[in-house]
């Protein structure tokens, strides 16, 4: 990994959403993705270089209980994790 890539990742990890106290919308900075920590899930997923399935695992675990049914969010996280694991089953 190059120094530039490390700088980009570090900037994502150190980012705190300064707009967390501002009104949110369903599209831009939804509160169920950063309500307690100030860190948005998308920033962590991008910084860690996770793909679609693992990114969704993180998303659904992070928002569980903050948007609708916490059990359903955990079930979705498990579904995506199972799908990700199935990729390695035949290897």
N, C-alpha and C. Protein backbone atom coordinates (compact mmCIF):
# COMPACT_ATOMS: atom_id res chain seq x y z
N UNK A 1 0.86 -1.18 0.00
CA UNK A 1 0.00 0.00 0.00
C UNK A 1 0.89 1.23 0.00
N UNK A 2 0.57 2.19 -0.83
CA UNK A 2 1.40 3.39 -0.95
C UNK A 2 1.15 4.35 0.19
N UNK A 3 2.06 5.28 0.35
CA UNK A 3 1.93 6.29 1.40
C UNK A 3 0.66 7.12 1.22
N UNK A 4 0.34 7.45 -0.03
CA UNK A 4 -0.88 8.21 -0.31
C UNK A 4 -2.14 7.46 0.10
N UNK A 5 -2.15 6.15 -0.18
CA UNK A 5 -3.31 5.34 0.22
C UNK A 5 -3.43 5.27 1.73
N UNK A 6 -2.30 5.17 2.42
CA UNK A 6 -2.33 5.16 3.88
C UNK A 6 -2.86 6.47 4.43
N UNK A 7 -2.46 7.59 3.81
CA UNK A 7 -2.95 8.90 4.25
C UNK A 7 -4.45 9.00 4.09
N UNK A 8 -4.96 8.48 2.96
CA UNK A 8 -6.41 8.52 2.72
C UNK A 8 -7.12 7.67 3.76
N UNK A 9 -6.62 6.45 4.02
CA UNK A 9 -7.25 5.60 5.02
C UNK A 9 -7.21 6.24 6.39
N UNK A 10 -6.07 6.82 6.74
CA UNK A 10 -5.94 7.46 8.04
C UNK A 10 -6.92 8.61 8.18
N UNK A 11 -7.13 9.37 7.11
CA UNK A 11 -8.06 10.49 7.18
C UNK A 11 -9.49 10.00 7.40
N UNK A 12 -9.85 8.87 6.82
CA UNK A 12 -11.18 8.30 7.05
C UNK A 12 -11.32 7.85 8.50
N UNK A 13 -10.29 7.18 9.02
CA UNK A 13 -10.36 6.68 10.38
C UNK A 13 -10.42 7.79 11.41
N UNK A 14 -9.78 8.91 11.11
CA UNK A 14 -9.76 10.01 12.06
C UNK A 14 -10.93 10.96 11.90
N UNK A 15 -11.75 10.72 10.89
CA UNK A 15 -12.86 11.64 10.60
C UNK A 15 -13.97 11.48 11.63
N UNK A 16 -14.38 12.56 12.17
CA UNK A 16 -15.54 12.61 13.04
C UNK A 16 -16.54 13.51 12.35
N UNK A 17 -17.77 13.07 12.28
CA UNK A 17 -18.79 13.83 11.58
C UNK A 17 -19.19 15.04 12.41
N UNK A 18 -18.70 16.19 12.03
CA UNK A 18 -19.00 17.41 12.75
C UNK A 18 -20.43 17.87 12.54
N UNK A 19 -21.13 17.23 11.60
CA UNK A 19 -22.53 17.60 11.35
C UNK A 19 -23.48 16.70 12.13
N UNK A 20 -22.96 15.87 13.02
CA UNK A 20 -23.81 14.92 13.74
C UNK A 20 -24.88 15.62 14.57
N UNK A 21 -24.62 16.85 15.00
CA UNK A 21 -25.61 17.59 15.78
C UNK A 21 -26.59 18.36 14.91
N UNK A 22 -26.34 18.40 13.62
CA UNK A 22 -27.21 19.10 12.70
C UNK A 22 -28.37 18.20 12.30
N UNK A 23 -29.46 18.79 11.84
CA UNK A 23 -30.57 17.96 11.37
C UNK A 23 -30.10 16.99 10.28
N UNK A 24 -30.65 15.81 10.29
CA UNK A 24 -30.26 14.81 9.32
C UNK A 24 -31.39 14.55 8.35
N UNK A 25 -31.05 13.89 7.27
CA UNK A 25 -32.06 13.49 6.31
C UNK A 25 -31.90 12.00 6.08
N UNK A 26 -32.84 11.40 5.39
CA UNK A 26 -32.78 9.97 5.12
C UNK A 26 -31.65 9.63 4.16
N UNK A 27 -31.13 10.63 3.44
CA UNK A 27 -30.09 10.39 2.44
C UNK A 27 -28.73 10.87 2.92
N UNK A 28 -28.66 12.06 3.45
CA UNK A 28 -27.39 12.67 3.82
C UNK A 28 -27.19 12.62 5.33
N UNK A 29 -26.25 11.81 5.79
CA UNK A 29 -25.93 11.65 7.21
C UNK A 29 -27.10 11.14 8.05
N UNK A 30 -27.70 10.01 7.68
CA UNK A 30 -28.81 9.49 8.49
C UNK A 30 -28.32 9.17 9.90
N UNK A 31 -29.09 9.56 10.90
CA UNK A 31 -28.66 9.43 12.29
C UNK A 31 -28.43 7.99 12.72
N UNK A 32 -29.12 7.03 12.11
CA UNK A 32 -28.94 5.64 12.53
C UNK A 32 -27.59 5.06 12.12
N UNK A 33 -26.79 5.81 11.36
CA UNK A 33 -25.46 5.34 10.99
C UNK A 33 -24.34 6.02 11.77
N UNK A 34 -24.64 7.00 12.60
CA UNK A 34 -23.58 7.66 13.36
C UNK A 34 -24.07 8.27 14.67
N UNK A 35 -25.23 7.91 15.11
CA UNK A 35 -25.86 8.59 16.24
C UNK A 35 -24.98 8.62 17.49
N UNK A 36 -24.31 7.54 17.81
CA UNK A 36 -23.56 7.48 19.06
C UNK A 36 -22.09 7.83 18.89
N UNK A 37 -21.49 7.45 17.79
CA UNK A 37 -20.04 7.59 17.66
C UNK A 37 -19.61 8.82 16.88
N UNK A 38 -20.45 9.32 16.00
CA UNK A 38 -20.06 10.41 15.13
C UNK A 38 -19.30 9.91 13.90
N UNK A 39 -19.09 8.60 13.79
CA UNK A 39 -18.40 8.01 12.65
C UNK A 39 -19.45 7.36 11.75
N UNK A 40 -19.44 7.72 10.50
CA UNK A 40 -20.40 7.12 9.58
C UNK A 40 -19.88 5.79 9.07
N UNK A 41 -20.78 4.84 8.95
CA UNK A 41 -20.42 3.49 8.51
C UNK A 41 -19.69 3.51 7.18
N UNK A 42 -20.16 4.29 6.24
CA UNK A 42 -19.54 4.30 4.92
C UNK A 42 -18.06 4.70 4.99
N UNK A 43 -17.72 5.60 5.91
CA UNK A 43 -16.32 6.00 6.07
C UNK A 43 -15.48 4.84 6.58
N UNK A 44 -15.99 4.10 7.54
CA UNK A 44 -15.25 2.95 8.08
C UNK A 44 -15.11 1.86 7.02
N UNK A 45 -16.18 1.57 6.30
CA UNK A 45 -16.16 0.53 5.27
C UNK A 45 -15.14 0.88 4.18
N UNK A 46 -15.13 2.13 3.75
CA UNK A 46 -14.18 2.55 2.72
C UNK A 46 -12.75 2.53 3.25
N UNK A 47 -12.54 2.99 4.47
CA UNK A 47 -11.20 3.01 5.06
C UNK A 47 -10.63 1.62 5.22
N UNK A 48 -11.49 0.67 5.56
CA UNK A 48 -11.04 -0.71 5.77
C UNK A 48 -10.98 -1.50 4.48
N UNK A 49 -11.45 -0.92 3.37
CA UNK A 49 -11.40 -1.58 2.08
C UNK A 49 -12.31 -2.80 1.99
N UNK A 50 -13.43 -2.74 2.67
CA UNK A 50 -14.36 -3.88 2.64
C UNK A 50 -15.17 -3.85 1.36
N UNK A 51 -15.55 -5.01 0.89
CA UNK A 51 -16.40 -5.11 -0.28
C UNK A 51 -17.86 -4.95 0.08
N UNK A 52 -18.70 -5.27 -0.89
CA UNK A 52 -20.14 -5.09 -0.74
C UNK A 52 -20.71 -5.89 0.43
N UNK A 53 -20.44 -7.18 0.46
CA UNK A 53 -21.04 -8.04 1.49
C UNK A 53 -20.56 -7.67 2.89
N UNK A 54 -19.26 -7.56 3.08
CA UNK A 54 -18.76 -7.21 4.41
C UNK A 54 -19.15 -5.79 4.80
N UNK A 55 -19.22 -4.91 3.83
CA UNK A 55 -19.69 -3.56 4.12
C UNK A 55 -21.12 -3.57 4.64
N UNK A 56 -21.95 -4.41 4.06
CA UNK A 56 -23.34 -4.51 4.53
C UNK A 56 -23.42 -5.17 5.90
N UNK A 57 -22.53 -6.10 6.19
CA UNK A 57 -22.49 -6.69 7.54
C UNK A 57 -22.27 -5.57 8.55
N UNK A 58 -21.27 -4.75 8.31
CA UNK A 58 -20.96 -3.64 9.22
C UNK A 58 -22.14 -2.68 9.31
N UNK A 59 -22.73 -2.35 8.18
CA UNK A 59 -23.85 -1.41 8.15
C UNK A 59 -25.01 -1.91 9.00
N UNK A 60 -25.40 -3.17 8.80
CA UNK A 60 -26.57 -3.66 9.52
C UNK A 60 -26.28 -3.88 11.01
N UNK A 61 -25.08 -4.27 11.36
CA UNK A 61 -24.74 -4.42 12.78
C UNK A 61 -24.71 -3.05 13.45
N UNK A 62 -24.13 -2.06 12.77
CA UNK A 62 -24.01 -0.72 13.35
C UNK A 62 -25.38 -0.06 13.57
N UNK A 63 -26.32 -0.30 12.68
CA UNK A 63 -27.60 0.38 12.83
C UNK A 63 -28.64 -0.45 13.59
N UNK A 64 -28.32 -1.70 13.93
CA UNK A 64 -29.27 -2.57 14.62
C UNK A 64 -29.82 -1.88 15.87
N UNK A 65 -31.13 -1.80 15.93
CA UNK A 65 -31.78 -1.18 17.06
C UNK A 65 -31.95 0.32 16.95
N UNK A 66 -31.34 0.94 15.95
CA UNK A 66 -31.46 2.39 15.76
C UNK A 66 -32.42 2.75 14.65
N UNK A 67 -32.77 1.76 13.82
CA UNK A 67 -33.71 2.01 12.73
C UNK A 67 -34.58 0.77 12.60
N UNK A 68 -35.76 0.86 13.08
CA UNK A 68 -36.68 -0.26 12.94
C UNK A 68 -36.32 -1.46 13.79
N UNK A 69 -36.50 -2.62 13.21
CA UNK A 69 -36.37 -3.89 13.90
C UNK A 69 -34.90 -4.32 14.02
N UNK A 70 -34.38 -4.32 15.24
CA UNK A 70 -32.99 -4.73 15.47
C UNK A 70 -32.73 -6.18 15.12
N UNK A 71 -33.72 -7.03 15.29
CA UNK A 71 -33.55 -8.45 14.95
C UNK A 71 -33.41 -8.59 13.44
N UNK A 72 -34.24 -7.91 12.70
CA UNK A 72 -34.17 -7.99 11.24
C UNK A 72 -32.82 -7.48 10.74
N UNK A 73 -32.30 -6.41 11.32
CA UNK A 73 -30.98 -5.92 10.92
C UNK A 73 -29.90 -6.96 11.19
N UNK A 74 -29.97 -7.64 12.31
CA UNK A 74 -28.99 -8.69 12.63
C UNK A 74 -29.14 -9.88 11.67
N UNK A 75 -30.37 -10.20 11.28
CA UNK A 75 -30.59 -11.28 10.31
C UNK A 75 -29.99 -10.91 8.95
N UNK A 76 -30.16 -9.65 8.55
CA UNK A 76 -29.57 -9.20 7.29
C UNK A 76 -28.05 -9.27 7.35
N UNK A 77 -27.47 -8.85 8.48
CA UNK A 77 -26.02 -8.92 8.64
C UNK A 77 -25.53 -10.36 8.51
N UNK A 78 -26.24 -11.29 9.13
CA UNK A 78 -25.89 -12.70 9.05
C UNK A 78 -26.01 -13.21 7.61
N UNK A 79 -27.04 -12.78 6.90
CA UNK A 79 -27.23 -13.20 5.52
C UNK A 79 -26.04 -12.77 4.67
N UNK A 80 -25.62 -11.52 4.81
CA UNK A 80 -24.47 -11.03 4.04
C UNK A 80 -23.17 -11.71 4.46
N UNK A 81 -23.00 -11.99 5.75
CA UNK A 81 -21.81 -12.69 6.20
C UNK A 81 -21.77 -14.11 5.65
N UNK A 82 -22.91 -14.78 5.66
CA UNK A 82 -23.00 -16.13 5.11
C UNK A 82 -22.67 -16.12 3.62
N UNK A 83 -23.18 -15.14 2.93
CA UNK A 83 -22.89 -15.03 1.48
C UNK A 83 -21.40 -14.81 1.25
N UNK A 84 -20.78 -13.96 2.06
CA UNK A 84 -19.34 -13.71 1.93
C UNK A 84 -18.56 -14.99 2.22
N UNK A 85 -18.93 -15.71 3.26
CA UNK A 85 -18.23 -16.95 3.60
C UNK A 85 -18.38 -18.01 2.52
N UNK A 86 -19.52 -18.01 1.84
CA UNK A 86 -19.75 -19.01 0.79
C UNK A 86 -18.77 -18.85 -0.37
N UNK A 87 -18.23 -17.67 -0.53
CA UNK A 87 -17.23 -17.44 -1.58
C UNK A 87 -15.97 -18.26 -1.34
N UNK A 88 -15.69 -18.58 -0.10
CA UNK A 88 -14.45 -19.29 0.26
C UNK A 88 -14.68 -20.78 0.47
N UNK A 89 -15.90 -21.20 0.39
CA UNK A 89 -16.27 -22.59 0.64
C UNK A 89 -15.60 -23.55 -0.35
N UNK A 90 -15.56 -23.16 -1.60
CA UNK A 90 -15.03 -24.04 -2.65
C UNK A 90 -13.54 -23.87 -2.89
N UNK A 91 -12.90 -23.00 -2.13
CA UNK A 91 -11.47 -22.76 -2.35
C UNK A 91 -10.61 -23.67 -1.52
